[in-house]
């Protein structure tokens, strides 16, 4: 069974047992999180969401992604700015898809 969920402004296609990385969620590791914004489940498309459907996931851990470097440079002005950023994420394991 496959489903499409929405979280953090992004859409993810998931099935039971999948491991996904999403934008950081405000729950502790080891807890269960339920997604109620299900866009599609088994070919049934919602408008915009499928009523009565949900996807349950177990929160494995929280962390930060690899650092990316932002370098801004203005030519002929002898001006530059170097900045780094690490995006926080949550690792989830999909446990159940409810129709």
Protein backbone atom coordinates (compact mmCIF):
# COMPACT_ATOMS: atom_id res chain seq x y z
CA UNK A 1 0.00 0.00 0.00
CA UNK A 2 1.39 3.39 -1.01
CA UNK A 3 0.45 6.87 0.15
CA UNK A 4 1.50 10.46 -0.47
CA UNK A 5 1.77 12.66 2.63
CA UNK A 6 2.50 16.34 3.11
CA UNK A 7 4.73 17.74 5.83
CA UNK A 8 7.01 20.73 6.06
CA UNK A 9 5.73 22.12 2.75
CA UNK A 10 6.91 19.01 0.88
CA UNK A 11 5.24 15.85 -0.38
CA UNK A 12 6.59 12.32 0.20
CA UNK A 13 5.52 9.02 -1.38
CA UNK A 14 5.71 6.36 1.32
CA UNK A 15 4.84 2.74 1.98
CA UNK A 16 5.00 0.66 5.16
CA UNK A 17 8.57 0.09 6.35
CA UNK A 18 10.06 3.08 4.50
CA UNK A 19 12.63 5.31 6.20
CA UNK A 20 12.32 9.01 5.30
CA UNK A 21 13.96 12.25 6.38
CA UNK A 22 11.60 15.23 6.84
CA UNK A 23 11.79 18.76 8.22
CA UNK A 24 12.24 18.73 12.01
CA UNK A 25 9.12 17.76 13.99
CA UNK A 26 8.38 18.88 17.56
CA UNK A 27 8.19 15.41 19.14
CA UNK A 28 10.70 13.33 21.10
CA UNK A 29 12.62 10.43 19.57
CA UNK A 30 10.94 7.07 20.15
CA UNK A 31 7.41 8.52 20.01
CA UNK A 32 4.77 7.91 17.32
CA UNK A 33 3.68 10.68 14.96
CA UNK A 34 0.47 10.62 12.91
CA UNK A 35 0.20 12.42 9.57
CA UNK A 36 -3.38 13.43 8.78
CA UNK A 37 -2.54 15.40 5.61
CA UNK A 38 -2.73 12.40 3.25
CA UNK A 39 -2.96 13.50 -0.38
CA UNK A 40 -3.30 10.04 -1.96
CA UNK A 41 -3.70 6.49 -0.70
CA UNK A 42 -3.87 3.41 -2.99
CA UNK A 43 -4.79 5.46 -6.05
CA UNK A 44 -7.55 7.39 -4.27
CA UNK A 45 -6.81 11.11 -4.60
CA UNK A 46 -8.20 13.63 -2.13
CA UNK A 47 -9.43 17.17 -2.71
CA UNK A 48 -7.03 18.32 -1.26
CA UNK A 49 -6.74 15.56 1.37
CA UNK A 50 -8.29 12.08 1.69
CA UNK A 51 -10.89 12.14 4.48
CA UNK A 52 -10.36 9.60 7.27
CA UNK A 53 -6.90 8.53 6.12
CA UNK A 54 -3.75 8.76 8.19
CA UNK A 55 -0.16 7.54 8.18
CA UNK A 56 1.61 6.54 11.38
CA UNK A 57 5.38 6.80 11.77
CA UNK A 58 7.91 6.18 14.53
CA UNK A 59 10.44 8.95 15.18
CA UNK A 60 13.91 7.41 15.11
CA UNK A 61 16.13 10.45 15.73
CA UNK A 62 16.68 14.16 15.19
CA UNK A 63 19.81 15.59 13.62
CA UNK A 64 21.38 18.10 11.27
CA UNK A 65 22.33 17.61 7.64
CA UNK A 66 25.79 18.23 6.22
CA UNK A 67 26.94 21.84 6.17
CA UNK A 68 26.45 23.86 3.01
CA UNK A 69 28.50 26.98 2.36
CA UNK A 70 26.89 30.20 1.17
CA UNK A 71 29.41 32.56 -0.37
CA UNK A 72 28.28 36.00 -1.54
CA UNK A 73 30.67 38.13 -3.53
CA UNK A 74 30.37 41.60 -5.05
CA UNK A 75 32.96 42.17 -7.76
CA UNK A 76 34.78 45.48 -7.92
CA UNK A 77 33.58 46.28 -4.38
CA UNK A 78 36.07 44.08 -2.50
CA UNK A 79 33.15 42.74 -0.52
CA UNK A 80 32.45 39.12 0.31
CA UNK A 81 30.50 37.18 2.92
CA UNK A 82 30.93 33.50 3.84
CA UNK A 83 28.20 31.75 5.76
CA UNK A 84 27.35 28.15 6.63
CA UNK A 85 24.03 26.41 7.26
CA UNK A 86 22.98 23.00 8.61
CA UNK A 87 19.31 22.13 8.13
CA UNK A 88 17.68 20.18 11.01
CA UNK A 89 15.80 16.97 10.13
CA UNK A 90 13.81 14.14 11.68
CA UNK A 91 14.32 10.50 10.66
CA UNK A 92 11.04 8.55 10.48
CA UNK A 93 10.08 4.92 9.91
CA UNK A 94 6.59 4.44 8.43
CA UNK A 95 4.74 1.84 10.49
CA UNK A 96 1.12 1.88 9.30
CA UNK A 97 -1.08 3.36 6.57
CA UNK A 98 -4.77 3.69 7.47
CA UNK A 99 -7.31 4.04 4.64
